[in-house]
Protein backbone atom coordinates (compact mmCIF):
# COMPACT_ATOMS: atom_id res chain seq x y z
CA MET A 1 0.09 -0.16 0.02
CA PRO A 2 1.15 3.78 -0.24
CA GLU A 3 2.88 4.56 2.73
CA PHE A 4 -0.38 6.66 3.94
CA ALA A 5 -1.91 3.63 5.69
CA LYS A 6 0.85 1.27 6.10
CA GLU A 7 2.55 4.44 8.31
CA LEU A 8 -0.66 4.57 10.34
CA ALA A 9 -1.27 1.24 10.78
CA ARG A 10 2.77 1.31 12.27
CA LYS A 11 2.21 4.14 14.44
CA ASN A 12 -1.84 3.84 15.40
CA PRO A 13 -2.79 0.04 14.38
CA GLU A 14 -5.65 -0.07 16.46
CA GLN A 15 -7.28 3.76 15.57
CA VAL A 16 -10.24 3.92 13.76
CA ALA A 17 -9.84 4.64 9.95
CA ILE A 18 -13.32 4.62 8.76
CA ARG A 19 -16.69 3.61 10.30
CA ASP A 20 -20.10 3.41 8.35
CA ASP A 21 -23.65 2.12 10.36
CA LYS A 22 -22.17 -1.30 10.41
CA GLU A 23 -18.46 -1.90 11.07
CA SER A 24 -15.14 -0.10 12.27
CA LEU A 25 -11.90 -0.65 10.47
CA THR A 26 -8.53 0.46 11.90
CA TRP A 27 -5.62 1.39 9.58
CA ASP A 28 -4.69 -2.06 9.88
CA ASP A 29 -7.72 -3.26 8.66
CA VAL A 30 -7.87 -0.82 5.65
CA ASP A 31 -4.14 -1.51 4.94
CA GLY A 32 -4.53 -4.92 4.77
CA ILE A 33 -7.79 -4.93 2.27
CA LEU A 34 -6.77 -2.36 0.28
CA ASN A 35 -3.68 -4.04 -0.63
CA ARG A 36 -5.29 -7.03 -1.57
CA ALA A 37 -8.15 -5.38 -3.76
CA VAL A 38 -5.43 -3.03 -5.67
CA ASN A 39 -3.61 -6.21 -6.53
CA ARG A 40 -6.53 -7.98 -7.27
CA LEU A 41 -7.60 -5.16 -9.68
CA LEU A 42 -4.05 -5.14 -10.98
CA GLU A 43 -4.22 -8.78 -11.99
CA THR A 44 -7.97 -8.11 -13.83
CA ASP A 45 -8.31 -6.83 -17.16
CA LEU A 46 -9.71 -3.36 -16.87
CA GLY A 47 -9.83 -3.15 -20.40
CA PRO A 48 -8.73 0.21 -23.06
CA GLN A 49 -10.34 2.76 -20.45
CA ARG A 50 -9.38 0.64 -17.05
CA ARG A 51 -13.12 1.49 -15.69
CA ILE A 52 -14.66 -0.02 -13.22
CA SER A 53 -18.19 1.26 -11.51
CA VAL A 54 -19.82 1.52 -7.91
CA PHE A 55 -23.48 0.71 -7.76
CA ALA A 56 -23.97 1.15 -4.35
CA GLU A 57 -25.67 3.08 -0.89
CA ASN A 58 -22.79 4.56 0.97
CA SER A 59 -20.48 1.87 3.45
CA ASN A 60 -17.43 1.08 4.39
CA GLN A 61 -17.32 -1.06 1.33
CA THR A 62 -18.27 1.78 -1.36
CA ALA A 63 -15.67 4.10 0.08
CA LEU A 64 -12.45 0.86 -0.15
CA ALA A 65 -14.02 0.11 -3.85
CA HIS A 66 -13.50 3.82 -4.99
CA LEU A 67 -9.79 4.00 -3.27
CA ALA A 68 -9.00 0.51 -4.67
CA GLY A 69 -9.61 2.02 -8.34
CA LEU A 70 -7.97 5.01 -7.83
CA LEU A 71 -5.07 3.35 -6.06
CA ALA A 72 -5.19 0.80 -9.28
CA GLY A 73 -5.15 3.09 -11.39
CA ALA A 74 -8.21 2.72 -12.88
CA SER A 75 -10.99 5.35 -13.35
CA THR A 76 -14.38 4.36 -10.97
CA VAL A 77 -17.42 5.66 -11.90
CA PRO A 78 -20.03 6.28 -9.40
CA VAL A 79 -23.39 5.20 -10.67
CA ASN A 80 -26.37 6.85 -8.66
CA PHE A 81 -27.70 4.30 -6.80
CA HIS A 82 -31.45 5.24 -7.30
CA LEU A 83 -31.26 4.17 -11.04
CA THR A 84 -33.33 1.96 -12.99
CA ALA A 85 -31.38 -1.31 -14.32
CA GLU A 86 -31.69 0.19 -17.84
CA GLU A 87 -30.54 3.57 -16.50
CA ALA A 88 -27.50 1.91 -14.94
CA ALA A 89 -26.86 -0.17 -18.03
CA TYR A 90 -26.87 2.72 -20.08
CA ILE A 91 -23.77 4.34 -17.74
CA LEU A 92 -21.59 0.74 -17.92
CA GLN A 93 -21.76 0.50 -21.57
CA ASP A 94 -20.97 4.58 -22.31
CA SER A 95 -18.04 4.45 -20.01
CA GLU A 96 -16.56 1.06 -21.12
CA THR A 97 -16.80 -0.28 -17.58
CA SER A 98 -15.15 -3.24 -17.11
CA VAL A 99 -15.73 -4.52 -13.23
CA LEU A 100 -18.80 -3.79 -11.48
CA PHE A 101 -19.08 -3.38 -7.82
CA LEU A 102 -22.55 -3.40 -5.83
CA GLY A 103 -23.93 -3.09 -2.25
CA PRO A 104 -26.95 -5.30 -1.32
CA GLU A 105 -29.56 -2.78 -2.09
CA THR A 106 -28.50 -3.02 -5.62
CA VAL A 107 -27.52 -6.84 -6.44
CA GLU A 108 -31.11 -7.36 -8.20
CA ARG A 109 -30.76 -4.27 -10.70
CA GLY A 110 -27.10 -4.29 -10.76
CA LEU A 111 -26.63 -7.96 -12.13
CA GLU A 112 -29.61 -6.93 -14.43
CA ALA A 113 -27.91 -3.84 -15.53
CA ALA A 114 -24.37 -5.97 -15.57
CA GLN A 115 -26.43 -8.77 -17.96
CA ILE A 116 -27.02 -5.78 -20.82
CA ALA A 117 -24.14 -4.11 -20.80
CA GLY A 118 -22.22 -7.52 -21.05
CA ILE A 119 -20.20 -6.90 -18.14
CA GLN A 120 -18.43 -10.44 -16.85
CA LYS A 121 -16.75 -9.52 -13.63
CA VAL A 122 -19.27 -8.12 -10.60
CA ILE A 123 -18.61 -7.81 -7.10
CA ALA A 124 -20.74 -7.66 -4.02
CA TRP A 125 -20.52 -6.95 -0.49
CA SER A 126 -23.81 -9.04 -0.17
CA ASP A 127 -24.32 -11.87 2.64
CA LYS A 128 -26.57 -13.65 0.30
CA LYS A 129 -26.03 -15.57 -2.56
CA GLU A 130 -29.78 -16.76 -3.20
CA PRO A 131 -30.76 -16.62 -5.48
CA TYR A 132 -27.77 -15.07 -7.09
CA SER A 133 -24.98 -16.52 -8.60
CA ASP A 134 -23.39 -14.58 -11.13
CA PHE A 135 -21.14 -12.34 -8.76
CA GLU A 136 -18.28 -12.63 -6.19
CA ILE A 137 -18.29 -11.95 -2.53
CA TRP A 138 -16.20 -8.77 -1.74
CA ASN A 139 -14.71 -10.62 0.85
CA SER A 140 -13.38 -13.67 -0.77
CA TRP A 141 -12.86 -11.44 -3.69
CA TYR A 142 -9.91 -9.42 -2.57
CA GLU A 143 -8.85 -12.34 -0.44
CA GLU A 144 -7.32 -14.05 -2.78
CA ALA A 145 -4.85 -11.66 -3.72
CA SER A 146 -1.52 -10.85 -2.14
CA SER A 147 -0.79 -8.40 0.91
CA GLU A 148 2.39 -7.36 -0.10
CA ASP A 149 2.26 -3.58 -1.30
CA PRO A 150 1.29 -2.72 -4.48
CA ILE A 151 3.04 -1.13 -7.27
CA THR A 152 2.67 2.75 -7.57
CA ASN A 153 3.94 4.10 -10.98
CA LEU A 154 1.12 4.08 -12.79
CA LYS A 155 -0.53 7.05 -13.81
CA PRO A 156 -3.44 7.97 -11.35
CA LEU A 157 -7.29 8.66 -13.46
CA PRO A 158 -10.29 10.67 -12.53
CA HIS A 159 -13.60 9.16 -11.53
CA LEU A 160 -16.18 9.85 -14.71
CA LEU A 161 -19.73 11.45 -13.23
CA TYR A 162 -22.62 10.97 -14.86
CA THR A 163 -25.38 13.76 -14.17
CA SER A 164 -28.96 13.77 -15.92
CA GLY A 165 -28.93 14.77 -19.77
CA THR A 166 -30.79 17.74 -21.31
CA THR A 167 -32.23 15.16 -23.75
CA GLY A 168 -32.51 12.17 -21.44
CA ARG A 169 -29.38 10.52 -21.43
CA PRO A 170 -26.98 11.11 -18.65
CA LYS A 171 -23.66 12.59 -19.66
CA GLY A 172 -20.43 11.71 -18.54
CA THR A 173 -17.50 14.23 -17.19
CA ASP A 174 -13.86 13.13 -15.86
CA LEU A 175 -13.63 15.02 -12.75
CA PRO A 176 -12.01 18.25 -13.57
CA PRO A 177 -8.00 19.15 -12.70
CA THR A 178 -9.53 21.68 -10.16
CA MET A 179 -10.97 18.79 -8.23
CA PHE A 180 -8.14 15.86 -9.46
CA ALA A 181 -5.03 15.96 -7.26
CA GLY A 182 -3.31 14.81 -10.82
CA GLY A 183 0.61 13.68 -10.55
CA GLY A 184 2.10 11.42 -13.24
CA THR A 185 2.13 8.52 -10.72
CA ILE A 186 0.03 6.99 -8.14
CA GLU A 187 2.57 7.90 -5.45
CA GLU A 188 2.84 11.55 -6.23
CA HIS A 189 -1.65 11.47 -6.57
CA VAL A 190 -1.56 10.04 -2.78
CA GLU A 191 1.16 12.96 -2.31
CA ALA A 192 -1.08 15.61 -3.61
CA LEU A 193 -3.99 14.39 -1.94
CA GLN A 194 -1.96 14.79 1.71
CA GLU A 195 -2.05 18.58 0.94
CA SER A 196 -5.21 18.96 0.62
CA ARG A 197 -6.96 21.60 2.76
CA PHE A 198 -9.09 18.68 3.95
CA SER A 199 -5.65 17.41 5.45
CA LYS A 200 -5.46 19.76 7.96
CA PHE A 201 -8.24 18.67 10.40
CA GLY A 202 -9.35 16.10 11.93
CA ASN A 203 -12.26 13.56 11.26
CA HIS A 204 -14.48 13.81 8.50
CA LEU A 205 -17.90 12.81 7.97
CA VAL A 206 -19.53 11.95 4.68
CA VAL A 207 -23.15 12.71 4.67
CA GLY A 208 -24.50 12.72 0.80
CA PRO A 209 -24.35 10.05 -1.33
CA MET A 210 -20.72 8.79 -3.13
CA TYR A 211 -22.05 9.58 -6.23
CA HIS A 212 -21.65 13.31 -5.82
CA THR A 213 -18.58 14.80 -5.90
CA GLY A 214 -18.63 16.36 -2.67
CA PRO A 215 -18.96 13.06 -0.93
CA LEU A 216 -16.10 11.39 -3.06
CA SER A 217 -13.71 14.16 -2.48
CA GLY A 218 -14.59 14.08 1.31
CA MET A 219 -14.07 9.60 1.03
CA ARG A 220 -10.52 10.69 -0.63
CA ASN A 221 -9.42 12.22 2.90
CA LEU A 222 -8.66 8.74 3.69
CA VAL A 223 -5.58 8.78 1.70
CA ALA A 224 -4.81 11.85 3.72
CA GLY A 225 -4.34 10.14 6.48
CA VAL A 226 -8.05 11.86 8.07
CA PRO A 227 -10.13 9.41 9.86
CA VAL A 228 -13.64 9.04 7.87
CA VAL A 229 -17.10 8.23 9.55
CA VAL A 230 -20.00 7.17 6.71
CA LEU A 231 -23.39 8.14 7.00
CA GLY A 232 -25.71 5.69 5.35
CA ARG A 233 -29.01 7.79 4.02
CA PHE A 234 -29.16 11.13 5.22
CA ASP A 235 -30.95 11.89 8.82
CA ALA A 236 -30.60 14.90 10.65
CA GLU A 237 -30.32 13.68 14.19
CA LYS A 238 -28.06 10.78 13.45
CA THR A 239 -26.06 13.69 11.75
CA LEU A 240 -25.82 15.20 15.21
CA SER A 241 -25.02 12.60 17.06
CA ALA A 242 -22.26 11.42 14.52
CA ILE A 243 -20.86 15.30 14.82
CA SER A 244 -20.86 15.46 18.71
CA ASP A 245 -19.81 11.74 19.12
CA TYR A 246 -16.84 11.26 16.91
CA LYS A 247 -15.66 14.98 16.94
CA ILE A 248 -16.23 15.54 13.53
CA GLU A 249 -13.89 18.46 12.06
CA THR A 250 -15.07 18.69 8.68
CA SER A 251 -17.55 17.42 6.14
CA VAL A 252 -19.57 18.07 2.63
CA MET A 253 -23.45 19.20 2.43
CA VAL A 254 -26.15 20.85 0.73
CA PRO A 255 -28.51 23.35 1.84
CA THR A 256 -31.24 20.65 1.94
CA HIS A 257 -29.29 19.14 4.86
CA PHE A 258 -28.95 22.59 6.81
CA VAL A 259 -33.07 22.94 6.17
CA ARG A 260 -33.66 19.43 7.39
CA LEU A 261 -31.12 20.10 10.51
CA LEU A 262 -33.05 23.43 11.45
CA ASP A 263 -36.40 21.73 11.35
CA LEU A 264 -35.38 19.55 14.23
CA PRO A 265 -36.93 21.20 17.66
CA ILE A 266 -34.24 23.52 19.74
CA GLU A 267 -34.47 20.44 22.55
CA VAL A 268 -33.13 18.08 20.11
CA ARG A 269 -30.36 20.56 18.84
CA GLU A 270 -29.29 21.40 22.19
CA LYS A 271 -28.78 17.60 23.04
CA TYR A 272 -25.44 17.63 20.60
CA ASP A 273 -22.18 18.98 20.99
CA VAL A 274 -20.96 20.31 17.65
CA SER A 275 -18.28 22.78 18.92
CA SER A 276 -15.86 20.32 17.42
CA LEU A 277 -16.75 21.88 13.77
CA LYS A 278 -13.88 23.28 11.67
CA MET A 279 -15.08 23.30 8.20
CA ILE A 280 -17.99 22.57 6.37
CA THR A 281 -18.56 23.04 3.09
CA HIS A 282 -21.66 23.23 1.60
CA THR A 283 -22.33 23.03 -2.45
CA GLY A 284 -25.00 22.09 -4.61
CA ALA A 285 -27.07 25.47 -4.95
CA ALA A 286 -27.36 28.67 -3.20
CA CYS A 287 -28.06 28.45 0.15
CA PRO A 288 -31.58 30.28 1.03
CA ILE A 289 -30.48 34.20 3.07
CA GLU A 290 -32.13 32.70 6.25
CA ILE A 291 -31.18 29.77 6.40
CA LYS A 292 -27.34 30.12 6.19
CA ARG A 293 -27.87 33.15 8.84
CA SER A 294 -29.19 30.44 11.11
CA MET A 295 -26.48 27.83 10.38
CA ILE A 296 -23.83 30.42 11.15
CA GLU A 297 -25.37 31.60 14.18
CA TRP A 298 -25.83 27.47 15.42
CA TRP A 299 -22.33 26.48 14.45
CA GLY A 300 -20.43 29.34 13.85
CA PRO A 301 -18.52 31.09 11.12
CA VAL A 302 -17.40 27.58 9.74
CA LEU A 303 -19.32 27.67 6.47
CA PHE A 304 -17.62 27.63 3.12
CA GLU A 305 -19.28 27.62 -0.04
CA ALA A 306 -18.34 26.17 -3.21
CA TYR A 307 -20.32 27.30 -6.02
CA GLY A 308 -19.66 25.61 -9.34
CA ALA A 309 -20.67 21.92 -10.87
CA SER A 310 -18.99 18.37 -11.48
CA GLU A 311 -18.07 19.47 -15.11
CA VAL A 312 -15.44 22.00 -14.12
CA GLY A 313 -15.20 21.75 -10.06
CA THR A 314 -15.45 25.05 -7.89
CA THR A 315 -15.85 28.30 -9.57
CA CYS A 316 -16.67 30.42 -6.84
CA SER A 317 -15.68 30.31 -3.06
CA ILE A 318 -17.00 32.29 -0.17
CA THR A 319 -16.00 32.04 3.57
CA SER A 320 -18.57 32.75 6.46
CA GLU A 321 -16.96 35.91 7.40
CA GLU A 322 -17.01 37.10 3.43
CA TRP A 323 -20.87 35.94 3.14
CA LEU A 324 -21.69 37.77 6.39
CA GLU A 325 -20.39 41.34 4.71
CA HIS A 326 -22.38 40.18 1.14
CA PRO A 327 -25.05 37.78 2.31
CA GLY A 328 -26.39 35.85 -0.56
CA SER A 329 -23.90 36.00 -2.80
CA VAL A 330 -21.71 32.78 -4.20
CA GLY A 331 -18.58 34.26 -3.61
CA LYS A 332 -15.60 35.86 -5.72
CA ALA A 333 -14.46 33.71 -9.21
CA LYS A 334 -11.03 31.93 -8.07
CA PRO A 335 -8.11 30.77 -10.66
CA PRO A 336 -8.48 29.65 -12.95
CA PHE A 337 -12.25 31.17 -13.58
CA GLU A 338 -13.14 34.61 -14.57
CA ALA A 339 -16.91 35.75 -13.98
CA LEU A 340 -18.15 37.30 -16.63
CA ILE A 341 -22.13 38.35 -17.22
CA PHE A 342 -23.61 38.65 -20.72
CA ASP A 343 -26.84 39.70 -22.46
CA ASP A 344 -28.91 37.45 -24.20
CA ASP A 345 -27.02 38.37 -27.59
CA GLY A 346 -23.78 37.36 -26.04
CA LEU A 347 -22.99 41.66 -25.06
CA PRO A 348 -20.78 41.81 -21.85
CA LEU A 349 -22.93 44.12 -19.08
CA GLU A 350 -21.59 46.13 -16.52
CA GLN A 351 -21.23 45.57 -12.35
CA GLY A 352 -24.45 45.56 -10.69
CA ILE A 353 -26.94 44.41 -13.99
CA GLU A 354 -28.44 40.76 -14.65
CA GLY A 355 -27.62 38.74 -17.30
CA ARG A 356 -26.24 35.63 -18.22
CA LEU A 357 -23.13 33.97 -16.00
CA TYR A 358 -19.99 32.67 -17.60
CA PHE A 359 -17.08 31.78 -16.50
CA ARG A 360 -13.64 32.33 -18.46
CA ASP A 361 -11.22 29.16 -17.89
CA GLU A 362 -8.15 30.87 -18.25
CA THR A 363 -6.31 26.99 -18.66
CA GLY A 364 -8.81 26.77 -22.02
CA ARG A 365 -10.47 23.65 -20.79
CA GLY A 366 -13.86 24.31 -19.91
CA VAL A 367 -16.34 22.02 -19.78
CA ILE A 368 -15.97 18.60 -21.12
CA TYR A 369 -18.52 15.72 -21.95
CA HIS A 370 -17.25 12.31 -22.61
CA ASN A 371 -18.01 10.89 -25.69
CA ASP A 372 -20.43 13.96 -26.49
CA PRO A 373 -18.85 16.89 -28.27
CA GLU A 374 -22.09 18.40 -29.56
CA LYS A 375 -23.13 19.17 -26.23
CA SER A 376 -19.79 20.44 -24.86
CA ALA A 377 -20.01 22.97 -27.53
CA GLU A 378 -23.14 23.89 -26.25
CA ALA A 379 -22.05 25.07 -22.96
CA HIS A 380 -19.41 27.60 -24.56
CA LEU A 381 -20.09 31.25 -25.83
CA GLU A 382 -16.61 30.61 -27.35
CA PRO A 383 -13.30 28.41 -26.51
CA GLY A 384 -13.16 28.42 -22.80
CA VAL A 385 -15.89 30.79 -21.71
CA PHE A 386 -18.26 28.46 -20.12
CA THR A 387 -21.81 28.75 -19.19
CA LEU A 388 -23.41 26.89 -15.97
CA GLY A 389 -26.97 28.00 -17.33
CA GLU A 390 -27.29 30.56 -14.09
CA ILE A 391 -28.54 34.36 -14.58
CA GLY A 392 -26.63 36.66 -11.69
CA TYR A 393 -24.94 39.71 -11.40
CA LEU A 394 -21.61 40.83 -10.14
CA ASP A 395 -21.20 43.55 -7.25
CA GLU A 396 -18.71 46.46 -7.55
CA ASP A 397 -16.71 44.45 -5.27
CA GLY A 398 -16.69 41.19 -7.72
CA TYR A 399 -18.88 39.10 -5.76
CA VAL A 400 -21.36 36.66 -7.86
CA TYR A 401 -25.10 36.81 -6.93
CA ILE A 402 -27.09 34.20 -8.61
CA THR A 403 -30.77 35.53 -9.13
CA ASP A 404 -31.97 32.46 -11.72
CA ARG A 405 -31.74 30.18 -14.13
CA PHE A 406 -31.64 30.42 -17.80
CA SER A 407 -31.32 27.12 -18.87
CA ASP A 408 -33.97 24.52 -18.37
CA MET A 409 -32.15 22.29 -15.32
CA ILE A 410 -33.07 22.72 -11.90
CA VAL A 411 -31.53 21.70 -8.58
CA SER A 412 -33.61 20.00 -5.80
CA GLY A 413 -31.56 18.82 -2.89
CA GLY A 414 -28.23 19.23 -4.20
CA VAL A 415 -29.54 16.96 -7.08
CA ASN A 416 -29.30 18.20 -10.75
CA ILE A 417 -32.61 17.35 -12.47
CA TYR A 418 -33.20 18.05 -16.26
CA PRO A 419 -36.84 18.66 -16.97
CA ALA A 420 -36.50 16.90 -20.23
CA GLU A 421 -36.18 13.35 -19.14
CA SER A 422 -39.78 13.92 -17.57
CA GLU A 423 -41.11 15.46 -20.33
CA GLN A 424 -40.20 12.70 -22.46
CA VAL A 425 -42.20 10.23 -20.43
CA LEU A 426 -45.38 12.58 -19.80
CA ILE A 427 -45.89 13.42 -23.35
CA THR A 428 -45.87 9.32 -24.58
CA HIS A 429 -49.40 8.79 -22.88
CA GLN A 430 -51.92 8.51 -24.77
CA ASN A 431 -54.11 11.02 -23.12
CA VAL A 432 -51.16 14.03 -22.82
CA LEU A 433 -51.19 16.47 -25.81
CA ASP A 434 -48.78 18.79 -24.44
CA VAL A 435 -46.10 18.99 -21.47
CA ALA A 436 -43.83 21.54 -19.73
CA CYS A 437 -41.57 20.65 -16.59
CA ILE A 438 -40.40 23.65 -14.53
CA GLY A 439 -38.67 23.99 -11.13
CA VAL A 440 -40.83 25.96 -8.84
CA PRO A 441 -39.51 26.83 -5.10
CA ASP A 442 -39.74 24.46 -2.27
CA SER A 443 -38.61 25.33 0.98
CA GLU A 444 -36.74 22.44 1.97
CA MET A 445 -35.23 21.08 -1.29
CA GLY A 446 -34.69 24.41 -2.87
CA GLU A 447 -36.66 23.63 -6.01
CA ARG A 448 -39.13 20.55 -7.34
CA LEU A 449 -39.88 19.82 -10.59
CA LEU A 450 -43.92 20.76 -11.61
CA ALA A 451 -45.57 19.56 -14.65
CA LEU A 452 -47.68 21.61 -16.46
CA VAL A 453 -49.64 19.60 -18.49
CA ILE A 454 -52.55 20.26 -21.15
CA ARG A 455 -54.73 17.34 -21.39
CA ASP A 456 -56.29 15.68 -24.93
CA ASP A 457 -59.50 17.06 -25.35
CA SER A 458 -60.29 13.27 -26.13
CA ASP A 459 -60.17 12.61 -22.31
CA THR A 460 -60.66 15.11 -19.61
CA SER A 461 -60.91 12.52 -16.77
CA LEU A 462 -57.12 12.15 -16.84
CA THR A 463 -56.10 12.80 -13.17
CA GLU A 464 -52.60 14.05 -11.42
CA SER A 465 -52.53 10.40 -9.77
CA GLU A 466 -52.45 8.19 -12.77
CA LEU A 467 -49.93 10.32 -14.44
CA LEU A 468 -47.59 10.58 -11.56
CA ASP A 469 -47.73 6.91 -11.31
CA TYR A 470 -47.43 6.35 -15.01
CA CYS A 471 -44.10 8.65 -15.20
CA ARG A 472 -42.70 6.46 -11.80
CA GLU A 473 -43.22 3.31 -13.79
CA ASN A 474 -41.03 4.11 -16.71
CA LEU A 475 -38.37 6.72 -14.90
CA THR A 476 -35.97 6.75 -11.47
CA HIS A 477 -38.50 8.34 -8.78
CA TYR A 478 -36.34 11.58 -8.69
CA LYS A 479 -36.57 12.65 -11.74
CA CYS A 480 -40.56 12.56 -11.63
CA PRO A 481 -42.31 15.58 -10.89
CA LYS A 482 -43.80 15.90 -7.42
CA LYS A 483 -46.77 17.86 -8.50
CA ILE A 484 -49.27 17.64 -11.71
CA GLU A 485 -51.11 21.09 -12.97
CA PHE A 486 -53.89 20.81 -15.59
CA VAL A 487 -53.21 23.82 -18.03
CA ASP A 488 -55.11 24.69 -20.84
CA ASP A 489 -51.88 26.50 -22.13
CA LEU A 490 -48.13 26.59 -22.60
CA GLY A 491 -47.47 29.54 -24.58
CA ARG A 492 -45.97 28.04 -27.47
CA THR A 493 -44.64 30.39 -30.03
CA THR A 494 -45.34 29.98 -33.45
CA MET A 495 -41.88 28.16 -33.78
CA GLY A 496 -43.03 25.82 -30.99
CA LYS A 497 -41.14 27.08 -28.43
CA ILE A 498 -41.77 27.77 -24.73
CA ASN A 499 -40.64 30.58 -22.65
CA LYS A 500 -39.79 28.74 -19.12
CA ARG A 501 -39.18 31.24 -17.15
CA LYS A 502 -42.26 33.24 -17.95
CA LEU A 503 -44.05 29.70 -16.78
CA ARG A 504 -42.03 29.93 -13.47
CA ALA A 505 -42.34 33.53 -12.72
CA PRO A 506 -45.80 33.32 -10.87
CA TYR A 507 -44.30 30.51 -8.40
CA TRP A 508 -41.23 32.46 -7.62
CA GLU A 509 -42.71 36.19 -7.42
CA ASN A 510 -43.42 35.70 -3.81
CA PHE A 511 -40.64 33.26 -2.82
CA GLN A 512 -37.98 34.94 -0.74
CA LYS A 513 -34.77 33.03 -1.37
């Protein structure tokens, strides 16, 4: 194993390195598991792209599978564990995955996806083989390999991340250089990880699902010698309990987590000691002003906002102290990015004037989507100048404020959702004439998906529950609208286009962000 685990195991063999809801593993345990798992992957044909996929809920094994892939010079693909077998199979095929890791909750869907995608090598941390036989058990799989330190002269490869697509197919993007430690070899990569900002702190809490970039980054803190606590599905009081019990110093969260934490009764909140917290990075969406102010009053000035996207990493950042002086801002652009505001015609706008928010990437990279040069081009105004689909403005001090979106994508609970996916399903219903899905305000999730539907005149008996059931039968639930409203007109132009910003406006008019 690279020296981080070996040295830590030598110094503190019994110290807990990683724990989840079910078990705790010491540095000695981690050293042994990773050595064997890495060596086993090195013995395996990983294909020309050297890709492995992890389709599993949060656990110690999920984290170690990702780390084993990273340290074996593989590109790991985190697959959203909510996806159907067919949706997961598309990602496996598109990424050219050769090895698939599954958790007990995803075995059935994962094996079906593997069959569709033609993947032969499947490993699962499931106690039950019956009625399934087409996978190897995690413990048995890695225990067959040598415990010797694996080679470290391979080139490290970034994660390949998938988000929902504007046309119904997920789009893959490599973890960008701003979020990937790089290095010419695994050894150099490990050394770079040990210089990350999280490495300066103690225990890290993984709160969100590890198919998101934030929790993935937190998980990699293990390589920096930082003990990691992995939570399963989010529970507000369990989160506070973990912070208190394990003296958590850092974590990555989204505004929805803050909303649910603040919803706890004050007497519950006061039961737990949060004084150990040093830095809570929050991302995923701009945090409502009153929510963020309340969190700072409760936890102190430990919140650090990182605005950006999986495609490019963090484009803006702001500390709690800065935010209190510029409430509502997502911060200043950080190198290699420069924030720019343009009008609808692509002409630059002055400070204080609302327009389309773009970023200039001084490296020239911008946004790159796997196997999709057309979508990559669509994100750019010119080479190296890209947008994340937001509307906003810059103040006189260069701080960025987000006011709306001009792209169809909505962010609900930190998850990107493209309305086109639901629209494509709903329009196939025999009694739906036309449909438009938009993001409307939600006090907990930030936004939720609403479907505006025109019924076919031949059948006005079509109900909301019938349409919702139809959508859920054909699409992962989180991508489906939470509510359906029947309307007579969607305001299509003579060219057939819909102004979704105009459709959204009445729902947002009286909502305080």
